[in-house]
Amino acid sequence: MSNFFAVNGDLIIRLIVAMGLGMIIGAERFLVHKEAGIKTHALVSMGAAVFVVVSEALAYKYLGLTGFDPGRIASQIIVGIGFLGAGSIIFQGSRLTGLTTASGLWVTAGIGMAAGFKFYALAVIATVLVLFVLIVVYFIEKPIRRISGDSQEN
């Protein structure tokens, strides 16, 4: 069993970092009672990391094969998450809701991709900035919404 961790330690770290950072963002969303919470953000981030790892492995395995572009896998993560995010955007009366959830899932996938590519500093910095937007900007936006008469909150 220890051989398993020795051989796959790098992959395990990538997935744990992606999952953990996704969970942090999801925790904020959960605390403000949004539908996409801890599990959703963790799975989106970790899933993106898995696809990046697969993309890297395929690039190594088929090195030199003409017409093969493993970067397409990573690019399709963006498309797939866009589809998932679009499903979270809905109209309630005349109000559009779910935009913050959709964009949060999209950036969480990017964080998972960064972790999958071993860009850990980028993943952590992006997570901190996402939390800044979700938490600090909320408090900046709240009085502006009151002044404008817009009671919608993300």
C-alpha atoms as a PDB file:
ATOM      1  CA  MET A   1       0.000   0.000   0.000  1.00  0.00           C
ATOM      2  CA  SER A   2       2.851   2.398   0.752  1.00  0.00           C
ATOM      3  CA  ASN A   3       4.129   1.722  -2.776  1.00  0.00           C
ATOM      4  CA  PHE A   4       0.802   2.996  -4.119  1.00  0.00           C
ATOM      5  CA  PHE A   5       1.326   6.342  -2.406  1.00  0.00           C
ATOM      6  CA  ALA A   6       4.972   6.497  -3.437  1.00  0.00           C
ATOM      7  CA  VAL A   7       4.062   5.950  -7.094  1.00  0.00           C
ATOM      8  CA  ASN A   8       0.924   8.121  -7.110  1.00  0.00           C
ATOM      9  CA  GLY A   9       1.818  10.754  -4.503  1.00  0.00           C
ATOM     10  CA  ASP A  10       2.054  13.559  -7.049  1.00  0.00           C
ATOM     11  CA  LEU A  11      -1.393  12.763  -8.464  1.00  0.00           C
ATOM     12  CA  ILE A  12      -2.891  12.513  -4.992  1.00  0.00           C
ATOM     13  CA  ILE A  13      -1.476  15.918  -4.041  1.00  0.00           C
ATOM     14  CA  ARG A  14      -2.856  17.516  -7.213  1.00  0.00           C
ATOM     15  CA  LEU A  15      -6.338  16.148  -6.579  1.00  0.00           C
ATOM     16  CA  ILE A  16      -6.328  16.981  -2.876  1.00  0.00           C
ATOM     17  CA  VAL A  17      -5.198  20.564  -3.524  1.00  0.00           C
ATOM     18  CA  ALA A  18      -7.882  21.009  -6.203  1.00  0.00           C
ATOM     19  CA  MET A  19     -10.557  19.449  -4.013  1.00  0.00           C
ATOM     20  CA  GLY A  20      -9.532  21.426  -0.929  1.00  0.00           C
ATOM     21  CA  LEU A  21      -9.512  24.771  -2.706  1.00  0.00           C
ATOM     22  CA  GLY A  22     -12.873  23.988  -4.300  1.00  0.00           C
ATOM     23  CA  MET A  23     -14.230  23.109  -0.863  1.00  0.00           C
ATOM     24  CA  ILE A  24     -13.085  26.462   0.523  1.00  0.00           C
ATOM     25  CA  ILE A  25     -14.969  28.354  -2.181  1.00  0.00           C
ATOM     26  CA  GLY A  26     -17.957  26.041  -1.786  1.00  0.00           C
ATOM     27  CA  ALA A  27     -18.002  26.669   1.965  1.00  0.00           C
ATOM     28  CA  GLU A  28     -18.535  30.381   1.350  1.00  0.00           C
ATOM     29  CA  ARG A  29     -21.360  29.614  -1.075  1.00  0.00           C
ATOM     30  CA  PHE A  30     -22.875  27.169   1.430  1.00  0.00           C
ATOM     31  CA  LEU A  31     -22.719  29.744   4.223  1.00  0.00           C
ATOM     32  CA  VAL A  32     -24.715  32.214   2.122  1.00  0.00           C
ATOM     33  CA  HIS A  33     -27.280  29.492   1.331  1.00  0.00           C
ATOM     34  CA  LYS A  34     -26.561  28.981  -2.368  1.00  0.00           C
ATOM     35  CA  GLU A  35     -27.462  25.795  -4.217  1.00  0.00           C
ATOM     36  CA  ALA A  36     -23.953  25.002  -5.414  1.00  0.00           C
ATOM     37  CA  GLY A  37     -22.033  24.549  -2.186  1.00  0.00           C
ATOM     38  CA  ILE A  38     -19.111  22.618  -0.790  1.00  0.00           C
ATOM     39  CA  LYS A  39     -19.621  19.333  -2.622  1.00  0.00           C
ATOM     40  CA  THR A  40     -20.374  20.913  -5.981  1.00  0.00           C
ATOM     41  CA  HIS A  41     -17.365  23.228  -5.955  1.00  0.00           C
ATOM     42  CA  ALA A  42     -15.074  20.479  -4.658  1.00  0.00           C
ATOM     43  CA  LEU A  43     -16.198  18.109  -7.403  1.00  0.00           C
ATOM     44  CA  VAL A  44     -15.911  20.717 -10.166  1.00  0.00           C
ATOM     45  CA  SER A  45     -12.394  21.649  -9.078  1.00  0.00           C
ATOM     46  CA  MET A  46     -11.245  18.071  -8.606  1.00  0.00           C
ATOM     47  CA  GLY A  47     -12.893  16.975 -11.849  1.00  0.00           C
ATOM     48  CA  ALA A  48     -11.044  19.682 -13.753  1.00  0.00           C
ATOM     49  CA  ALA A  49      -7.790  18.504 -12.158  1.00  0.00           C
ATOM     50  CA  VAL A  50      -8.523  14.910 -13.188  1.00  0.00           C
ATOM     51  CA  PHE A  51      -9.060  15.955 -16.803  1.00  0.00           C
ATOM     52  CA  VAL A  52      -5.817  17.947 -16.753  1.00  0.00           C
ATOM     53  CA  VAL A  53      -3.909  14.952 -15.379  1.00  0.00           C
ATOM     54  CA  VAL A  54      -5.439  12.760 -18.091  1.00  0.00           C
ATOM     55  CA  SER A  55      -4.499  15.371 -20.687  1.00  0.00           C
ATOM     56  CA  GLU A  56      -0.885  15.412 -19.466  1.00  0.00           C
ATOM     57  CA  ALA A  57      -0.710  11.617 -19.371  1.00  0.00           C
ATOM     58  CA  LEU A  58      -2.028  11.369 -22.925  1.00  0.00           C
ATOM     59  CA  ALA A  59       0.440  14.008 -24.090  1.00  0.00           C
ATOM     60  CA  TYR A  60       3.279  11.945 -22.642  1.00  0.00           C
ATOM     61  CA  LYS A  61       1.921   8.640 -23.954  1.00  0.00           C
ATOM     62  CA  TYR A  62       1.357   9.864 -27.507  1.00  0.00           C
ATOM     63  CA  LEU A  63       4.325  12.232 -27.734  1.00  0.00           C
ATOM     64  CA  GLY A  64       5.214  12.819 -31.373  1.00  0.00           C
ATOM     65  CA  LEU A  65       1.948  11.496 -32.799  1.00  0.00           C
ATOM     66  CA  THR A  66       0.817  13.910 -35.479  1.00  0.00           C
ATOM     67  CA  GLY A  67      -2.711  15.227 -35.328  1.00  0.00           C
ATOM     68  CA  PHE A  68      -3.066  14.515 -31.607  1.00  0.00           C
ATOM     69  CA  ASP A  69      -3.627  17.523 -29.369  1.00  0.00           C
ATOM     70  CA  PRO A  70      -4.048  16.699 -25.667  1.00  0.00           C
ATOM     71  CA  GLY A  71      -4.673  20.390 -24.994  1.00  0.00           C
ATOM     72  CA  ARG A  72      -8.146  19.873 -26.392  1.00  0.00           C
ATOM     73  CA  ILE A  73      -9.116  18.000 -23.260  1.00  0.00           C
ATOM     74  CA  ALA A  74      -8.228  20.967 -21.079  1.00  0.00           C
ATOM     75  CA  SER A  75     -10.022  23.373 -23.414  1.00  0.00           C
ATOM     76  CA  GLN A  76     -13.179  21.276 -23.271  1.00  0.00           C
ATOM     77  CA  ILE A  77     -13.289  21.640 -19.492  1.00  0.00           C
ATOM     78  CA  ILE A  78     -14.169  25.282 -20.057  1.00  0.00           C
ATOM     79  CA  VAL A  79     -16.968  24.335 -22.446  1.00  0.00           C
ATOM     80  CA  GLY A  80     -18.349  21.666 -20.116  1.00  0.00           C
ATOM     81  CA  ILE A  81     -18.335  23.918 -17.082  1.00  0.00           C
ATOM     82  CA  GLY A  82     -19.944  26.654 -19.163  1.00  0.00           C
ATOM     83  CA  PHE A  83     -22.781  24.230 -19.870  1.00  0.00           C
ATOM     84  CA  LEU A  84     -23.056  23.353 -16.170  1.00  0.00           C
ATOM     85  CA  GLY A  85     -23.027  27.023 -15.223  1.00  0.00           C
ATOM     86  CA  ALA A  86     -25.663  27.879 -17.809  1.00  0.00           C
ATOM     87  CA  GLY A  87     -27.936  25.374 -16.108  1.00  0.00           C
ATOM     88  CA  SER A  88     -27.624  27.270 -12.831  1.00  0.00           C
ATOM     89  CA  ILE A  89     -28.747  30.582 -14.374  1.00  0.00           C
ATOM     90  CA  ILE A  90     -32.504  31.037 -14.188  1.00  0.00           C
ATOM     91  CA  PHE A  91     -35.106  33.756 -14.432  1.00  0.00           C
ATOM     92  CA  GLN A  92     -37.270  34.343 -11.383  1.00  0.00           C
ATOM     93  CA  GLY A  93     -39.935  36.760 -12.496  1.00  0.00           C
ATOM     94  CA  SER A  94     -38.014  39.580 -14.133  1.00  0.00           C
ATOM     95  CA  ARG A  95     -34.812  38.818 -12.213  1.00  0.00           C
ATOM     96  CA  LEU A  96     -31.851  36.809 -13.464  1.00  0.00           C
ATOM     97  CA  THR A  97     -30.335  34.633 -10.746  1.00  0.00           C
ATOM     98  CA  GLY A  98     -27.461  32.206 -10.572  1.00  0.00           C
ATOM     99  CA  LEU A  99     -24.846  34.302 -12.362  1.00  0.00           C
ATOM    100  CA  THR A 100     -22.500  34.338  -9.383  1.00  0.00           C
ATOM    101  CA  THR A 101     -22.970  30.600  -8.953  1.00  0.00           C
ATOM    102  CA  ALA A 102     -22.213  29.996 -12.642  1.00  0.00           C
ATOM    103  CA  SER A 103     -19.133  32.195 -12.608  1.00  0.00           C
ATOM    104  CA  GLY A 104     -18.005  30.647  -9.322  1.00  0.00           C
ATOM    105  CA  LEU A 105     -18.194  27.171 -10.822  1.00  0.00           C
ATOM    106  CA  TRP A 106     -16.323  28.365 -13.897  1.00  0.00           C
ATOM    107  CA  VAL A 107     -13.451  29.894 -11.921  1.00  0.00           C
ATOM    108  CA  THR A 108     -13.391  26.888  -9.581  1.00  0.00           C
ATOM    109  CA  ALA A 109     -12.789  24.687 -12.627  1.00  0.00           C
ATOM    110  CA  GLY A 110      -9.917  26.986 -13.552  1.00  0.00           C
ATOM    111  CA  ILE A 111      -8.488  26.556 -10.061  1.00  0.00           C
ATOM    112  CA  GLY A 112      -8.773  22.788 -10.438  1.00  0.00           C
ATOM    113  CA  MET A 113      -6.989  23.008 -13.781  1.00  0.00           C
ATOM    114  CA  ALA A 114      -4.200  25.046 -12.184  1.00  0.00           C
ATOM    115  CA  ALA A 115      -3.795  22.437  -9.434  1.00  0.00           C
ATOM    116  CA  GLY A 116      -3.877  19.670 -12.021  1.00  0.00           C
ATOM    117  CA  PHE A 117      -1.028  21.337 -13.917  1.00  0.00           C
ATOM    118  CA  LYS A 118       0.898  21.781 -10.603  1.00  0.00           C
ATOM    119  CA  PHE A 119       0.476  25.553 -10.613  1.00  0.00           C
ATOM    120  CA  TYR A 120      -0.261  25.475  -6.892  1.00  0.00           C
ATOM    121  CA  ALA A 121       0.602  29.118  -6.229  1.00  0.00           C
ATOM    122  CA  LEU A 122      -1.751  30.202  -9.019  1.00  0.00           C
ATOM    123  CA  ALA A 123      -4.499  27.963  -7.631  1.00  0.00           C
ATOM    124  CA  VAL A 124      -4.122  29.346  -4.091  1.00  0.00           C
ATOM    125  CA  ILE A 125      -3.896  32.974  -5.229  1.00  0.00           C
ATOM    126  CA  ALA A 126      -6.968  32.534  -7.438  1.00  0.00           C
ATOM    127  CA  THR A 127      -8.853  30.974  -4.514  1.00  0.00           C
ATOM    128  CA  VAL A 128      -7.985  33.923  -2.264  1.00  0.00           C
ATOM    129  CA  LEU A 129      -9.116  36.349  -4.960  1.00  0.00           C
ATOM    130  CA  VAL A 130     -12.379  34.446  -5.484  1.00  0.00           C
ATOM    131  CA  LEU A 131     -13.054  34.606  -1.751  1.00  0.00           C
ATOM    132  CA  PHE A 132     -12.243  38.315  -1.815  1.00  0.00           C
ATOM    133  CA  VAL A 133     -14.848  38.833  -4.536  1.00  0.00           C
ATOM    134  CA  LEU A 134     -17.470  36.657  -2.844  1.00  0.00           C
ATOM    135  CA  ILE A 135     -16.991  38.021   0.680  1.00  0.00           C
ATOM    136  CA  VAL A 136     -15.434  41.489   0.632  1.00  0.00           C
ATOM    137  CA  VAL A 137     -17.088  42.747  -2.539  1.00  0.00           C
ATOM    138  CA  TYR A 138     -20.435  41.586  -1.132  1.00  0.00           C
ATOM    139  CA  PHE A 139     -20.042  44.105   1.699  1.00  0.00           C
ATOM    140  CA  ILE A 140     -19.051  46.828  -0.768  1.00  0.00           C
ATOM    141  CA  GLU A 141     -21.965  45.965  -3.051  1.00  0.00           C
ATOM    142  CA  LYS A 142     -24.621  45.740  -0.321  1.00  0.00           C
ATOM    143  CA  PRO A 143     -24.993  49.495   0.376  1.00  0.00           C
ATOM    144  CA  ILE A 144     -24.837  50.259  -3.334  1.00  0.00           C
ATOM    145  CA  ARG A 145     -27.747  47.876  -3.903  1.00  0.00           C
ATOM    146  CA  ARG A 146     -29.712  49.608  -1.136  1.00  0.00           C
ATOM    147  CA  ILE A 147     -29.117  53.021  -2.705  1.00  0.00           C
ATOM    148  CA  SER A 148     -30.109  51.810  -6.161  1.00  0.00           C
ATOM    149  CA  GLY A 149     -33.217  50.065  -4.834  1.00  0.00           C
ATOM    150  CA  ASP A 150     -31.988  46.672  -6.040  1.00  0.00           C
ATOM    151  CA  SER A 151     -32.571  44.087  -3.316  1.00  0.00           C
ATOM    152  CA  GLN A 152     -31.229  41.145  -5.339  1.00  0.00           C
ATOM    153  CA  GLU A 153     -28.286  39.433  -3.657  1.00  0.00           C
ATOM    154  CA  ASN A 154     -25.980  36.855  -5.192  1.00  0.00           C
END
